[in-house]
Amino acid sequence: MAIEIEDKDWSAVDVMDKLSLLGHLTKYPSTIHKAEIDDMVWDLVDKESVVDIQDYINLFPNGKHLIEARNILNAIVDWNNAKNTDDIFIINDYVRANPNSPFRQQALILITRLKQQEIALMRSNPNGYEVSRLKRLIDAGIATERELILAKVMTENILATLRSTDISSDL
């Protein structure tokens, strides 16, 4: 009889509503639908919201998605630290360290914007732009030699000089 009542209540649950799913779980803590509810609630979690993810962890301390939730929380913390800087190298390091981050695309967009700023600095003050910084941009793969040539801030001859000698002592 109890199974029939729960089945009837389960059929009334809105699987697209966290409160409805959690209401069923609260009413029937030993429900046979516990794993389904766990999955459905996880699917409804905003993966960019610390509050939503923390709520999931609190509601399902032994949940099926606990490791993923904690990894995303760590990625959010790392991303918040990285995105609040205008240091192109920090953002690039974040992308390399977190290749599967949900914020990867935002980080790449930020790198593109910062790279444009770097190129603008090179154009506005070509003799004052630090050679070591230029080499670091190239070595880190942030800017390619081809990009710099197309942006008209570099020539093949200058690149050949950069590649062949340690010019930092000369400058």
N, C-alpha and C. Protein backbone atom coordinates (compact mmCIF):
# COMPACT_ATOMS: atom_id res chain seq x y z
N MET A 1 0.81 -1.19 0.00
CA MET A 1 0.00 0.00 0.00
C MET A 1 0.87 1.27 0.00
N ALA A 2 1.94 1.28 0.84
CA ALA A 2 2.82 2.44 0.92
C ALA A 2 3.53 2.67 -0.40
N ILE A 3 3.90 1.60 -1.10
CA ILE A 3 4.57 1.72 -2.40
C ILE A 3 3.63 2.36 -3.41
N GLU A 4 2.37 1.96 -3.38
CA GLU A 4 1.39 2.54 -4.31
C GLU A 4 1.20 4.03 -4.06
N ILE A 5 1.18 4.42 -2.78
CA ILE A 5 1.02 5.84 -2.44
C ILE A 5 2.23 6.63 -2.94
N GLU A 6 3.43 6.09 -2.70
CA GLU A 6 4.62 6.79 -3.17
C GLU A 6 4.64 6.87 -4.69
N ASP A 7 4.28 5.78 -5.37
CA ASP A 7 4.24 5.79 -6.84
C ASP A 7 3.28 6.85 -7.35
N LYS A 8 2.15 6.99 -6.69
CA LYS A 8 1.16 8.00 -7.09
C LYS A 8 1.76 9.40 -6.88
N ASP A 9 2.41 9.60 -5.73
CA ASP A 9 3.05 10.89 -5.47
C ASP A 9 4.19 11.16 -6.46
N TRP A 10 4.95 10.11 -6.79
CA TRP A 10 6.05 10.26 -7.74
C TRP A 10 5.55 10.71 -9.10
N SER A 11 4.42 10.19 -9.51
CA SER A 11 3.88 10.57 -10.83
C SER A 11 3.48 12.04 -10.86
N ALA A 12 3.28 12.66 -9.69
CA ALA A 12 2.90 14.07 -9.64
C ALA A 12 4.13 14.99 -9.50
N VAL A 13 5.31 14.41 -9.36
CA VAL A 13 6.52 15.22 -9.19
C VAL A 13 6.88 15.88 -10.52
N ASP A 14 7.18 17.17 -10.44
CA ASP A 14 7.67 17.91 -11.61
C ASP A 14 9.18 17.71 -11.66
N VAL A 15 9.65 16.90 -12.60
CA VAL A 15 11.07 16.54 -12.67
C VAL A 15 11.94 17.71 -13.13
N MET A 16 11.33 18.81 -13.51
CA MET A 16 12.08 19.99 -13.92
C MET A 16 12.09 21.05 -12.81
N ASP A 17 11.65 20.65 -11.61
CA ASP A 17 11.57 21.59 -10.50
C ASP A 17 12.27 21.00 -9.28
N LYS A 18 13.35 21.68 -8.85
CA LYS A 18 14.13 21.18 -7.72
C LYS A 18 13.29 21.01 -6.46
N LEU A 19 12.43 22.00 -6.19
CA LEU A 19 11.62 21.92 -4.97
C LEU A 19 10.68 20.73 -4.99
N SER A 20 10.12 20.43 -6.15
CA SER A 20 9.23 19.27 -6.27
C SER A 20 10.00 17.98 -6.03
N LEU A 21 11.18 17.87 -6.63
CA LEU A 21 12.01 16.68 -6.44
C LEU A 21 12.45 16.52 -4.99
N LEU A 22 12.90 17.62 -4.40
CA LEU A 22 13.36 17.57 -3.02
C LEU A 22 12.21 17.33 -2.05
N GLY A 23 11.03 17.84 -2.40
CA GLY A 23 9.84 17.58 -1.58
C GLY A 23 9.54 16.09 -1.52
N HIS A 24 9.65 15.43 -2.65
CA HIS A 24 9.42 13.99 -2.69
C HIS A 24 10.46 13.26 -1.85
N LEU A 25 11.70 13.67 -1.97
CA LEU A 25 12.78 13.04 -1.21
C LEU A 25 12.59 13.26 0.30
N THR A 26 12.12 14.44 0.67
CA THR A 26 11.87 14.73 2.08
C THR A 26 10.73 13.87 2.61
N LYS A 27 9.70 13.73 1.81
CA LYS A 27 8.53 12.94 2.22
C LYS A 27 8.84 11.45 2.25
N TYR A 28 9.69 11.02 1.32
CA TYR A 28 10.04 9.59 1.21
C TYR A 28 11.58 9.45 1.21
N PRO A 29 12.21 9.59 2.39
CA PRO A 29 13.68 9.55 2.44
C PRO A 29 14.30 8.24 1.94
N SER A 30 13.52 7.16 1.96
CA SER A 30 14.04 5.87 1.50
C SER A 30 13.49 5.51 0.13
N THR A 31 13.10 6.50 -0.63
CA THR A 31 12.49 6.27 -1.93
C THR A 31 13.39 5.48 -2.87
N ILE A 32 12.77 4.69 -3.73
CA ILE A 32 13.53 3.96 -4.75
C ILE A 32 13.99 4.91 -5.85
N HIS A 33 13.52 6.15 -5.81
CA HIS A 33 13.86 7.15 -6.83
C HIS A 33 15.00 8.07 -6.38
N LYS A 34 15.68 7.71 -5.29
CA LYS A 34 16.72 8.58 -4.74
C LYS A 34 17.83 8.89 -5.76
N ALA A 35 18.30 7.87 -6.45
CA ALA A 35 19.36 8.07 -7.45
C ALA A 35 18.86 8.94 -8.60
N GLU A 36 17.62 8.73 -9.01
CA GLU A 36 17.04 9.55 -10.08
C GLU A 36 16.94 11.01 -9.64
N ILE A 37 16.48 11.21 -8.40
CA ILE A 37 16.34 12.57 -7.88
C ILE A 37 17.71 13.24 -7.82
N ASP A 38 18.71 12.50 -7.37
CA ASP A 38 20.07 13.02 -7.32
C ASP A 38 20.48 13.50 -8.72
N ASP A 39 20.31 12.67 -9.74
CA ASP A 39 20.67 13.04 -11.11
C ASP A 39 19.86 14.23 -11.60
N MET A 40 18.58 14.21 -11.34
CA MET A 40 17.71 15.29 -11.84
C MET A 40 18.03 16.63 -11.17
N VAL A 41 18.28 16.59 -9.86
CA VAL A 41 18.64 17.83 -9.17
C VAL A 41 19.98 18.34 -9.71
N TRP A 42 20.94 17.44 -9.90
CA TRP A 42 22.25 17.84 -10.43
C TRP A 42 22.08 18.48 -11.81
N ASP A 43 21.21 17.92 -12.63
CA ASP A 43 20.98 18.48 -13.97
C ASP A 43 20.41 19.90 -13.90
N LEU A 44 19.70 20.20 -12.81
CA LEU A 44 19.08 21.52 -12.65
C LEU A 44 20.00 22.54 -11.97
N VAL A 45 21.15 22.09 -11.48
CA VAL A 45 22.09 22.98 -10.80
C VAL A 45 22.76 23.89 -11.83
N ASP A 46 22.81 25.18 -11.49
CA ASP A 46 23.55 26.14 -12.31
C ASP A 46 25.03 25.92 -12.01
N LYS A 47 25.77 25.38 -12.97
CA LYS A 47 27.16 24.97 -12.75
C LYS A 47 28.12 26.16 -12.61
N GLU A 48 27.60 27.38 -12.76
CA GLU A 48 28.43 28.56 -12.56
C GLU A 48 28.08 29.27 -11.26
N SER A 49 27.19 28.68 -10.48
CA SER A 49 26.73 29.30 -9.24
C SER A 49 27.30 28.55 -8.03
N VAL A 50 28.11 29.25 -7.27
CA VAL A 50 28.68 28.66 -6.06
C VAL A 50 27.55 28.24 -5.12
N VAL A 51 26.53 29.08 -4.99
CA VAL A 51 25.41 28.79 -4.09
C VAL A 51 24.68 27.52 -4.53
N ASP A 52 24.38 27.40 -5.82
CA ASP A 52 23.68 26.21 -6.32
C ASP A 52 24.51 24.94 -6.09
N ILE A 53 25.77 25.02 -6.38
CA ILE A 53 26.62 23.84 -6.22
C ILE A 53 26.78 23.48 -4.75
N GLN A 54 26.95 24.49 -3.91
CA GLN A 54 27.07 24.23 -2.47
C GLN A 54 25.77 23.65 -1.93
N ASP A 55 24.63 24.13 -2.43
CA ASP A 55 23.33 23.56 -2.03
C ASP A 55 23.26 22.08 -2.39
N TYR A 56 23.71 21.74 -3.59
CA TYR A 56 23.71 20.34 -4.00
C TYR A 56 24.55 19.51 -3.03
N ILE A 57 25.75 20.00 -2.71
CA ILE A 57 26.64 19.27 -1.80
C ILE A 57 25.98 19.09 -0.43
N ASN A 58 25.31 20.13 0.04
CA ASN A 58 24.64 20.05 1.34
C ASN A 58 23.45 19.09 1.31
N LEU A 59 22.72 19.08 0.21
CA LEU A 59 21.54 18.22 0.10
C LEU A 59 21.92 16.76 -0.16
N PHE A 60 23.02 16.56 -0.86
CA PHE A 60 23.45 15.21 -1.23
C PHE A 60 24.92 15.01 -0.80
N PRO A 61 25.17 14.95 0.52
CA PRO A 61 26.56 14.84 0.98
C PRO A 61 27.27 13.57 0.50
N ASN A 62 26.51 12.58 0.08
CA ASN A 62 27.09 11.37 -0.51
C ASN A 62 26.58 11.19 -1.93
N GLY A 63 26.25 12.30 -2.57
CA GLY A 63 25.63 12.28 -3.89
C GLY A 63 26.52 11.71 -4.98
N LYS A 64 25.90 11.31 -6.04
CA LYS A 64 26.60 10.72 -7.18
C LYS A 64 27.52 11.73 -7.87
N HIS A 65 27.21 13.00 -7.71
CA HIS A 65 27.95 14.05 -8.43
C HIS A 65 28.81 14.89 -7.48
N LEU A 66 29.08 14.36 -6.30
CA LEU A 66 29.82 15.10 -5.28
C LEU A 66 31.22 15.49 -5.74
N ILE A 67 31.96 14.58 -6.32
CA ILE A 67 33.32 14.89 -6.78
C ILE A 67 33.27 15.94 -7.88
N GLU A 68 32.35 15.78 -8.81
CA GLU A 68 32.21 16.77 -9.89
C GLU A 68 31.85 18.13 -9.32
N ALA A 69 30.95 18.16 -8.34
CA ALA A 69 30.54 19.41 -7.72
C ALA A 69 31.72 20.10 -7.05
N ARG A 70 32.51 19.32 -6.32
CA ARG A 70 33.69 19.91 -5.65
C ARG A 70 34.72 20.40 -6.67
N ASN A 71 34.90 19.66 -7.75
CA ASN A 71 35.83 20.09 -8.79
C ASN A 71 35.37 21.40 -9.42
N ILE A 72 34.08 21.51 -9.65
CA ILE A 72 33.56 22.76 -10.23
C ILE A 72 33.73 23.91 -9.26
N LEU A 73 33.47 23.66 -7.97
CA LEU A 73 33.68 24.72 -6.97
C LEU A 73 35.13 25.19 -6.99
N ASN A 74 36.06 24.25 -7.06
CA ASN A 74 37.48 24.62 -7.12
C ASN A 74 37.78 25.42 -8.38
N ALA A 75 37.17 25.02 -9.50
CA ALA A 75 37.38 25.75 -10.75
C ALA A 75 36.82 27.16 -10.66
N ILE A 76 35.69 27.31 -9.98
CA ILE A 76 35.10 28.65 -9.81
C ILE A 76 36.04 29.53 -8.99
N VAL A 77 36.58 28.98 -7.91
CA VAL A 77 37.50 29.75 -7.07
C VAL A 77 38.74 30.14 -7.89
N ASP A 78 39.30 29.18 -8.62
CA ASP A 78 40.47 29.47 -9.45
C ASP A 78 40.14 30.53 -10.51
N TRP A 79 38.96 30.39 -11.13
CA TRP A 79 38.56 31.34 -12.16
C TRP A 79 38.38 32.74 -11.56
N ASN A 80 37.73 32.82 -10.39
CA ASN A 80 37.53 34.12 -9.76
C ASN A 80 38.87 34.79 -9.45
N ASN A 81 39.86 34.01 -9.05
CA ASN A 81 41.19 34.57 -8.80
C ASN A 81 41.83 35.04 -10.10
N ALA A 82 41.67 34.27 -11.16
CA ALA A 82 42.30 34.60 -12.44
C ALA A 82 41.61 35.77 -13.14
N LYS A 83 40.30 35.76 -13.16
CA LYS A 83 39.58 36.77 -13.96
C LYS A 83 39.69 38.18 -13.40
N ASN A 84 40.07 38.29 -12.14
CA ASN A 84 40.17 39.61 -11.53
C ASN A 84 41.54 40.24 -11.71
N THR A 85 42.29 39.74 -12.65
CA THR A 85 43.60 40.31 -12.96
C THR A 85 43.63 40.68 -14.44
N ASP A 86 44.49 41.59 -14.76
CA ASP A 86 44.70 41.93 -16.17
C ASP A 86 46.03 41.37 -16.65
N ASP A 87 46.53 40.37 -15.94
CA ASP A 87 47.80 39.76 -16.30
C ASP A 87 47.53 38.60 -17.27
N ILE A 88 47.91 38.80 -18.50
CA ILE A 88 47.66 37.81 -19.55
C ILE A 88 48.31 36.47 -19.23
N PHE A 89 49.42 36.48 -18.53
CA PHE A 89 50.13 35.25 -18.21
C PHE A 89 49.38 34.44 -17.14
N ILE A 90 48.77 35.12 -16.19
CA ILE A 90 47.97 34.43 -15.16
C ILE A 90 46.75 33.77 -15.80
N ILE A 91 46.09 34.49 -16.70
CA ILE A 91 44.92 33.93 -17.38
C ILE A 91 45.35 32.74 -18.25
N ASN A 92 46.46 32.87 -18.94
CA ASN A 92 46.96 31.77 -19.77
C ASN A 92 47.31 30.56 -18.92
N ASP A 93 47.95 30.79 -17.78
CA ASP A 93 48.26 29.69 -16.86
C ASP A 93 46.99 29.00 -16.38
N TYR A 94 45.94 29.79 -16.13
CA TYR A 94 44.66 29.22 -15.70
C TYR A 94 44.11 28.28 -16.78
N VAL A 95 44.14 28.72 -18.02
CA VAL A 95 43.63 27.90 -19.13
C VAL A 95 44.41 26.60 -19.23
N ARG A 96 45.72 26.69 -19.13
CA ARG A 96 46.55 25.48 -19.23
C ARG A 96 46.32 24.53 -18.06
N ALA A 97 46.11 25.08 -16.86
CA ALA A 97 45.92 24.25 -15.68
C ALA A 97 44.51 23.67 -15.58
N ASN A 98 43.56 24.30 -16.28
CA ASN A 98 42.15 23.89 -16.19
C ASN A 98 41.55 23.70 -17.58
N PRO A 99 42.04 22.72 -18.33
CA PRO A 99 41.58 22.57 -19.72
C PRO A 99 40.09 22.22 -19.85
N ASN A 100 39.49 21.66 -18.82
CA ASN A 100 38.08 21.29 -18.88
C ASN A 100 37.19 22.22 -18.08
N SER A 101 37.71 23.38 -17.73
CA SER A 101 36.96 24.33 -16.92
C SER A 101 35.72 24.82 -17.66
N PRO A 102 34.62 25.01 -16.93
CA PRO A 102 33.44 25.60 -17.57
C PRO A 102 33.67 27.07 -17.95
N PHE A 103 34.79 27.64 -17.47
CA PHE A 103 35.10 29.05 -17.74
C PHE A 103 36.18 29.20 -18.80
N ARG A 104 36.53 28.11 -19.44
CA ARG A 104 37.60 28.13 -20.44
C ARG A 104 37.32 29.15 -21.55
N GLN A 105 36.11 29.14 -22.06
CA GLN A 105 35.78 30.05 -23.16
C GLN A 105 35.89 31.51 -22.71
N GLN A 106 35.42 31.81 -21.51
CA GLN A 106 35.54 33.17 -20.99
C GLN A 106 37.01 33.56 -20.85
N ALA A 107 37.81 32.62 -20.38
CA ALA A 107 39.25 32.89 -20.22
C ALA A 107 39.91 33.15 -21.57
N LEU A 108 39.55 32.36 -22.58
CA LEU A 108 40.13 32.56 -23.92
C LEU A 108 39.73 33.92 -24.50
N ILE A 109 38.50 34.33 -24.25
CA ILE A 109 38.04 35.65 -24.71
C ILE A 109 38.84 36.74 -24.01
N LEU A 110 39.07 36.57 -22.71
CA LEU A 110 39.86 37.54 -21.95
C LEU A 110 41.29 37.59 -22.48
N ILE A 111 41.86 36.44 -22.78
CA ILE A 111 43.22 36.41 -23.35
C ILE A 111 43.25 37.17 -24.67
N THR A 112 42.25 36.98 -25.50
CA THR A 112 42.20 37.69 -26.78
C THR A 112 42.16 39.19 -26.58
N ARG A 113 41.36 39.64 -25.62
CA ARG A 113 41.27 41.08 -25.33
C ARG A 113 42.60 41.61 -24.81
N LEU A 114 43.22 40.87 -23.89
CA LEU A 114 44.50 41.30 -23.33
C LEU A 114 45.61 41.26 -24.38
N LYS A 115 45.53 40.29 -25.30
CA LYS A 115 46.53 40.21 -26.38
C LYS A 115 46.41 41.44 -27.28
N GLN A 116 45.19 41.87 -27.56
CA GLN A 116 45.00 43.08 -28.37
C GLN A 116 45.61 44.30 -27.66
N GLN A 117 45.48 44.34 -26.34
CA GLN A 117 46.08 45.43 -25.58
C GLN A 117 47.61 45.37 -25.67
N GLU A 118 48.15 44.17 -25.60
CA GLU A 118 49.61 44.00 -25.72
C GLU A 118 50.09 44.49 -27.08
N ILE A 119 49.38 44.11 -28.11
CA ILE A 119 49.76 44.51 -29.47
C ILE A 119 49.66 46.04 -29.61
N ALA A 120 48.64 46.62 -29.00
CA ALA A 120 48.51 48.08 -29.03
C ALA A 120 49.70 48.74 -28.32
N LEU A 121 50.15 48.14 -27.21
CA LEU A 121 51.34 48.67 -26.52
C LEU A 121 52.58 48.56 -27.39
N MET A 122 52.71 47.45 -28.09
CA MET A 122 53.87 47.26 -28.98
C MET A 122 53.86 48.32 -30.08
N ARG A 123 52.69 48.61 -30.62
CA ARG A 123 52.59 49.59 -31.70
C ARG A 123 52.88 51.00 -31.19
N SER A 124 52.34 51.32 -30.01
CA SER A 124 52.47 52.69 -29.51
C SER A 124 53.88 53.01 -29.01
N ASN A 125 54.61 51.99 -28.57
CA ASN A 125 55.95 52.23 -28.05
C ASN A 125 56.86 51.04 -28.40
N PRO A 126 57.16 50.87 -29.69
CA PRO A 126 57.92 49.69 -30.11
C PRO A 126 59.30 49.59 -29.46
N ASN A 127 59.96 50.70 -29.24
CA ASN A 127 61.29 50.65 -28.65
C ASN A 127 61.25 50.49 -27.12
N GLY A 128 60.11 50.77 -26.52
CA GLY A 128 60.00 50.67 -25.08
C GLY A 128 59.38 49.37 -24.60
N TYR A 129 58.86 48.59 -25.54
CA TYR A 129 58.23 47.33 -25.15
C TYR A 129 59.32 46.34 -24.75
N GLU A 130 59.15 45.70 -23.61
CA GLU A 130 60.17 44.80 -23.07
C GLU A 130 60.35 43.55 -23.95
N VAL A 131 61.58 43.30 -24.34
CA VAL A 131 61.89 42.15 -25.17
C VAL A 131 61.57 40.85 -24.43
N SER A 132 61.87 40.83 -23.14
CA SER A 132 61.62 39.61 -22.36
C SER A 132 60.12 39.29 -22.32
N ARG A 133 59.30 40.33 -22.26
CA ARG A 133 57.85 40.13 -22.26
C ARG A 133 57.39 39.60 -23.63
N LEU A 134 57.95 40.16 -24.69
CA LEU A 134 57.63 39.69 -26.03
C LEU A 134 57.99 38.22 -26.20
N LYS A 135 59.19 37.87 -25.76
CA LYS A 135 59.62 36.48 -25.86
C LYS A 135 58.73 35.56 -25.03
N ARG A 136 58.33 36.05 -23.87
CA ARG A 136 57.45 35.25 -22.99
C ARG A 136 56.08 35.03 -23.65
N LEU A 137 55.55 36.05 -24.31
CA LEU A 137 54.27 35.91 -25.02
C LEU A 137 54.36 34.83 -26.09
N ILE A 138 55.47 34.84 -26.81
CA ILE A 138 55.67 33.84 -27.87
C ILE A 138 55.90 32.46 -27.27
N ASP A 139 56.80 32.38 -26.29
CA ASP A 139 57.12 31.08 -25.68
C ASP A 139 55.92 30.43 -25.01
N ALA A 140 55.04 31.24 -24.43
CA ALA A 140 53.85 30.71 -23.76
C ALA A 140 52.74 30.35 -24.75
N GLY A 141 52.96 30.69 -26.02
CA GLY A 141 51.95 30.38 -27.03
C GLY A 141 50.76 31.33 -27.01
N ILE A 142 50.92 32.45 -26.32
CA ILE A 142 49.83 33.43 -26.25
C ILE A 142 49.73 34.17 -27.57
N ALA A 143 50.86 34.55 -28.10
CA ALA A 143 50.91 35.21 -29.41
C ALA A 143 51.86 34.41 -30.29
N THR A 144 51.43 34.21 -31.51
CA THR A 144 52.30 33.50 -32.44
C THR A 144 53.12 34.51 -33.23
N GLU A 145 54.22 34.04 -33.76
CA GLU A 145 55.05 34.91 -34.58
C GLU A 145 54.24 35.43 -35.77
N ARG A 146 53.45 34.56 -36.34
CA ARG A 146 52.62 34.95 -37.49
C ARG A 146 51.65 36.07 -37.13
N GLU A 147 51.01 35.94 -35.96
CA GLU A 147 50.09 36.99 -35.50
C GLU A 147 50.81 38.33 -35.37
N LEU A 148 52.00 38.30 -34.81
CA LEU A 148 52.74 39.54 -34.60
C LEU A 148 53.18 40.17 -35.93
N ILE A 149 53.51 39.33 -36.88
CA ILE A 149 53.86 39.84 -38.21
C ILE A 149 52.62 40.44 -38.88
N LEU A 150 51.51 39.72 -38.82
CA LEU A 150 50.27 40.23 -39.43
C LEU A 150 49.79 41.51 -38.75
N ALA A 151 50.08 41.65 -37.45
CA ALA A 151 49.69 42.86 -36.72
C ALA A 151 50.66 44.01 -37.00
N LYS A 152 51.70 43.71 -37.79
CA LYS A 152 52.70 44.70 -38.19
C LYS A 152 53.46 45.29 -37.00
N VAL A 153 53.71 44.44 -36.00
CA VAL A 153 54.55 44.87 -34.88
C VAL A 153 55.88 44.12 -34.90
N MET A 154 56.03 43.26 -35.89
CA MET A 154 57.19 42.40 -35.96
C MET A 154 57.49 42.11 -37.43
N THR A 155 58.76 41.87 -37.71
CA THR A 155 59.15 41.43 -39.05
C THR A 155 59.89 40.11 -38.91
N GLU A 156 60.06 39.43 -40.01
CA GLU A 156 60.82 38.17 -40.01
C GLU A 156 62.24 38.40 -39.50
N ASN A 157 62.85 39.52 -39.90
CA ASN A 157 64.23 39.82 -39.47
C ASN A 157 64.31 39.99 -37.95
N ILE A 158 63.37 40.70 -37.38
CA ILE A 158 63.38 40.90 -35.93
C ILE A 158 63.18 39.56 -35.23
N LEU A 159 62.28 38.75 -35.76
CA LEU A 159 62.04 37.43 -35.16
C LEU A 159 63.29 36.55 -35.27
N ALA A 160 63.97 36.63 -36.38
CA ALA A 160 65.20 35.85 -36.54
C ALA A 160 66.24 36.29 -35.52
N THR A 161 66.32 37.57 -35.26
CA THR A 161 67.24 38.09 -34.25
C THR A 161 66.85 37.59 -32.87
N LEU A 162 65.56 37.62 -32.57
CA LEU A 162 65.08 37.13 -31.27
C LEU A 162 65.41 35.65 -31.08
N ARG A 163 65.26 34.88 -32.14
CA ARG A 163 65.50 33.43 -32.07
C ARG A 163 66.99 33.09 -31.95
N SER A 164 67.83 33.89 -32.58
CA SER A 164 69.23 33.47 -32.72
C SER A 164 70.17 33.99 -31.66
N THR A 165 69.81 35.05 -30.97
CA THR A 165 70.75 35.59 -29.99
C THR A 165 70.04 35.95 -28.68
N ASP A 166 70.85 36.13 -27.67
CA ASP A 166 70.32 36.62 -26.40
C ASP A 166 70.47 38.13 -26.44
N ILE A 167 69.45 38.78 -26.98
CA ILE A 167 69.55 40.22 -27.16
C ILE A 167 69.21 41.01 -25.91
N SER A 168 68.72 40.32 -24.88
CA SER A 168 68.31 41.05 -23.69
C SER A 168 69.51 41.81 -23.08
N SER A 169 70.69 41.23 -23.15
CA SER A 169 71.85 41.93 -22.61
C SER A 169 72.23 43.13 -23.48
N ASP A 170 71.95 43.03 -24.78
CA ASP A 170 72.23 44.14 -25.69
C ASP A 170 71.28 45.30 -25.47
N LEU A 171 70.08 44.98 -25.05
CA LEU A 171 69.08 46.02 -24.87
C LEU A 171 69.12 46.51 -23.44
